Amino acid sequence: MKTALLLIEIQNDYFPNGRMPIEKSTYVAAKGKQLLQAYRAREWPIIHVQHISTRANDTYFLPCTKGAEFHPDFQPAKGEFIVKKHYPNSFRDTTMLSVLNKNQITHLTICGMMTHNAVDATTKAAYDNGLLCTVLHDACATKDLHFNETIIPAQNVQHSFLAALEPIYASVLSTDTFLQMISVRSTASLAIPA
């Protein structure tokens, strides 16, 4: 199978001083950067997903703002794909599926923000479109959620959503485990555990 790295919403607003900073964004970016470097070194396909808000009451990822721009460590390089989206699901009303089909990509290595939202929705949509997925649990981040009067800590949200993805929708691995798996590969054709 041919793999691509999918970097979801690694945009300035999720980092300190952004409009929606989330827990562990800096740590997750460091892990994501390792993946980005590994894919670039092998010249494997890379897809950057950028969310641009379009709803009237949105407060972050606003069009033409610094917060909506990619984090400085994740600026797309020449030949890398950019998919712009307006919904959590990176396939909805985007070029994602055509990019994957045109490049014969059948596996996605997924990381980014936020686990409970865009990562979850995109992984499930990828699965529904017949793709195999690997989600790197330490290269994804989320935030506290509220349900009725209860605050659900980010770590609990993270674990719950990742547990729900595995094993049907994705293999869930650490970044280090995945990098070890690809260390001996020279092409984007991988044998990823399903």
Protein backbone atom coordinates (compact mmCIF):
# COMPACT_ATOMS: atom_id res chain seq x y z
CA MET A 1 0.00 0.00 0.00
CA LYS A 2 1.13 3.58 -0.62
CA THR A 3 1.14 5.84 2.42
CA ALA A 4 0.85 9.58 2.96
CA LEU A 5 1.30 11.72 6.05
CA LEU A 6 -1.84 13.67 6.96
CA LEU A 7 -1.17 16.70 9.16
CA ILE A 8 -4.50 17.99 10.45
CA GLU A 9 -4.97 21.59 11.61
CA ILE A 10 -1.46 22.25 12.86
CA GLN A 11 -2.30 25.95 12.85
CA ASN A 12 -1.24 28.87 15.03
CA ASP A 13 -4.52 29.35 16.91
CA TYR A 14 -4.03 26.03 18.72
CA PHE A 15 -0.69 27.09 20.20
CA PRO A 16 0.17 29.39 23.14
CA ASN A 17 -0.98 32.96 22.39
CA GLY A 18 -3.45 31.65 19.81
CA ARG A 19 -7.22 32.09 19.99
CA MET A 20 -7.83 28.44 21.01
CA PRO A 21 -4.69 27.06 22.69
CA ILE A 22 -5.02 23.38 23.51
CA GLU A 23 -3.25 21.12 25.96
CA LYS A 24 0.03 19.58 24.76
CA SER A 25 -0.01 21.36 21.38
CA THR A 26 3.73 22.10 21.61
CA TYR A 27 4.56 18.50 22.55
CA VAL A 28 2.38 17.17 19.75
CA ALA A 29 4.03 19.55 17.28
CA ALA A 30 7.45 18.16 18.22
CA LYS A 31 6.23 14.62 17.47
CA GLY A 32 4.57 15.79 14.26
CA LYS A 33 7.80 17.46 13.19
CA GLN A 34 9.63 14.13 13.54
CA LEU A 35 7.08 12.53 11.25
CA LEU A 36 7.26 15.38 8.77
CA GLN A 37 11.05 15.12 8.61
CA ALA A 38 10.88 11.34 8.13
CA TYR A 39 8.39 11.62 5.27
CA ARG A 40 10.33 14.45 3.64
CA ALA A 41 13.60 12.52 3.89
CA ARG A 42 11.95 9.64 2.01
CA GLU A 43 10.12 11.96 -0.42
CA TRP A 44 6.81 10.36 0.54
CA PRO A 45 3.50 12.21 0.03
CA ILE A 46 2.51 14.80 2.65
CA ILE A 47 -0.91 16.44 2.98
CA HIS A 48 -1.44 19.56 5.11
CA VAL A 49 -5.04 20.13 6.17
CA GLN A 50 -5.98 23.73 6.94
CA HIS A 51 -9.27 24.63 8.57
CA ILE A 52 -10.76 28.01 7.64
CA SER A 53 -13.78 29.04 9.70
CA THR A 54 -16.87 30.21 7.85
CA ARG A 55 -19.57 30.26 10.55
CA ALA A 56 -20.65 33.67 11.81
CA ASN A 57 -19.90 32.96 15.49
CA ASP A 58 -16.50 31.31 15.04
CA THR A 59 -13.67 32.84 17.07
CA TYR A 60 -10.59 31.07 15.66
CA PHE A 61 -9.17 29.99 12.30
CA LEU A 62 -10.73 33.12 10.90
CA PRO A 63 -9.96 33.86 7.24
CA CYS A 64 -6.86 35.98 6.56
CA THR A 65 -5.60 35.84 10.16
CA LYS A 66 -2.24 34.68 11.50
CA GLY A 67 -4.07 32.18 13.69
CA ALA A 68 -5.39 30.33 10.64
CA GLU A 69 -1.91 30.00 9.16
CA PHE A 70 0.13 26.82 9.53
CA HIS A 71 2.49 26.71 12.51
CA PRO A 72 5.99 27.87 11.47
CA ASP A 73 7.40 24.33 11.77
CA PHE A 74 4.73 23.01 9.40
CA GLN A 75 4.95 25.29 6.40
CA PRO A 76 4.19 23.20 3.31
CA ALA A 77 7.16 22.57 1.05
CA LYS A 78 7.09 22.45 -2.73
CA GLY A 79 5.24 19.37 -3.94
CA GLU A 80 3.30 18.87 -0.71
CA PHE A 81 -0.48 19.01 -0.86
CA ILE A 82 -2.72 21.51 0.92
CA VAL A 83 -6.36 20.67 1.56
CA LYS A 84 -8.54 23.50 2.85
CA LYS A 85 -11.66 22.58 4.79
CA HIS A 86 -14.58 24.18 6.61
CA TYR A 87 -15.87 21.14 8.54
CA PRO A 88 -14.28 18.69 11.00
CA ASN A 89 -14.24 15.96 8.32
CA SER A 90 -11.33 16.66 5.98
CA PHE A 91 -13.16 14.87 3.15
CA ARG A 92 -16.34 16.95 3.23
CA ASP A 93 -16.47 19.43 0.32
CA THR A 94 -12.68 19.27 -0.18
CA THR A 95 -10.17 17.94 -2.70
CA MET A 96 -8.96 15.23 -0.29
CA LEU A 97 -10.35 12.17 -2.05
CA SER A 98 -9.21 13.33 -5.49
CA VAL A 99 -5.68 13.98 -4.16
CA LEU A 100 -5.55 10.49 -2.65
CA ASN A 101 -6.97 8.75 -5.71
CA LYS A 102 -4.80 10.65 -8.17
CA ASN A 103 -1.68 9.69 -6.19
CA GLN A 104 -2.84 6.10 -5.55
CA ILE A 105 -2.62 6.58 -1.78
CA THR A 106 -4.34 3.82 0.18
CA HIS A 107 -2.96 4.44 3.69
CA LEU A 108 -2.90 7.56 5.84
CA THR A 109 -0.61 8.25 8.77
CA ILE A 110 -2.65 10.74 10.79
CA CYS A 111 -1.64 13.32 13.36
CA GLY A 112 -2.69 16.81 14.45
CA MET A 113 -5.50 18.61 16.20
CA MET A 114 -8.08 17.94 17.68
CA THR A 115 -8.43 14.26 18.48
CA HIS A 116 -12.11 14.43 19.42
CA ASN A 117 -13.06 16.53 16.41
CA ALA A 118 -11.12 16.71 13.13
CA VAL A 119 -8.86 13.70 13.77
CA ASP A 120 -11.81 11.49 14.70
CA ALA A 121 -14.08 12.69 11.89
CA THR A 122 -11.35 12.47 9.26
CA THR A 123 -10.17 9.01 10.32
CA LYS A 124 -13.70 7.63 10.17
CA ALA A 125 -14.32 9.24 6.78
CA ALA A 126 -11.05 7.80 5.47
CA TYR A 127 -12.09 4.35 6.64
CA ASP A 128 -15.51 4.78 5.03
CA ASN A 129 -13.71 5.64 1.78
CA GLY A 130 -11.75 2.37 1.90
CA LEU A 131 -8.45 3.70 3.23
CA LEU A 132 -6.30 2.13 5.91
CA CYS A 133 -5.29 4.48 8.71
CA THR A 134 -2.66 4.73 11.41
CA VAL A 135 -3.28 7.36 14.08
CA LEU A 136 -0.26 8.38 16.14
CA HIS A 137 -1.62 8.90 19.63
CA ASP A 138 1.20 11.09 20.94
CA ALA A 139 1.11 13.27 17.82
CA CYS A 140 -2.53 14.27 18.39
CA ALA A 141 -3.98 16.66 20.96
CA THR A 142 -7.35 17.63 22.31
CA LYS A 143 -8.88 19.77 25.08
CA ASP A 144 -11.20 19.53 28.07
CA LEU A 145 -14.82 19.03 27.11
CA HIS A 146 -18.03 19.84 28.99
CA PHE A 147 -21.13 17.69 29.20
CA ASN A 148 -24.01 19.06 31.26
CA GLU A 149 -22.27 20.21 34.47
CA THR A 150 -19.29 17.88 34.11
CA ILE A 151 -15.80 18.80 32.89
CA ILE A 152 -14.14 15.92 31.04
CA PRO A 153 -10.34 16.30 31.26
CA ALA A 154 -8.41 16.38 27.99
CA GLN A 155 -6.54 13.17 28.82
CA ASN A 156 -9.82 11.30 29.30
CA VAL A 157 -11.17 12.74 26.05
CA GLN A 158 -7.97 11.68 24.27
CA HIS A 159 -8.05 8.13 25.58
CA SER A 160 -11.76 7.67 24.91
CA PHE A 161 -11.62 8.80 21.30
CA LEU A 162 -8.47 6.82 20.51
CA ALA A 163 -9.95 3.72 22.13
CA ALA A 164 -13.03 4.11 19.94
CA LEU A 165 -10.92 4.31 16.76
CA GLU A 166 -8.95 1.14 17.44
CA PRO A 167 -9.13 -1.49 16.04
CA ILE A 168 -11.89 -0.92 13.47
CA TYR A 169 -11.08 2.52 12.08
CA ALA A 170 -7.32 2.67 12.60
CA SER A 171 -4.21 1.22 14.11
CA VAL A 172 -3.21 3.49 16.99
CA LEU A 173 0.55 3.64 17.57
CA SER A 174 3.14 5.87 19.20
CA THR A 175 5.29 8.05 16.99
CA ASP A 176 8.44 6.20 18.04
CA THR A 177 6.93 2.81 17.18
CA PHE A 178 5.82 4.04 13.78
CA LEU A 179 9.20 5.64 13.01
CA GLN A 180 10.91 2.35 13.89
CA MET A 181 8.57 0.52 11.51
CA ILE A 182 9.42 2.79 8.60
CA SER A 183 13.13 3.11 9.35
CA VAL A 184 13.97 0.26 6.98
CA ARG A 185 11.57 1.33 4.22
CA SER A 186 12.77 3.28 1.22
CA THR A 187 9.46 3.64 -0.61
CA ALA A 188 6.00 4.85 0.37
CA SER A 189 4.71 1.28 0.02
CA LEU A 190 4.35 -0.01 3.57
CA ALA A 191 3.16 -3.09 5.37
CA ILE A 192 1.18 -1.43 8.17
CA PRO A 193 -0.58 -3.63 10.73
CA ALA A 194 -4.34 -3.40 10.28
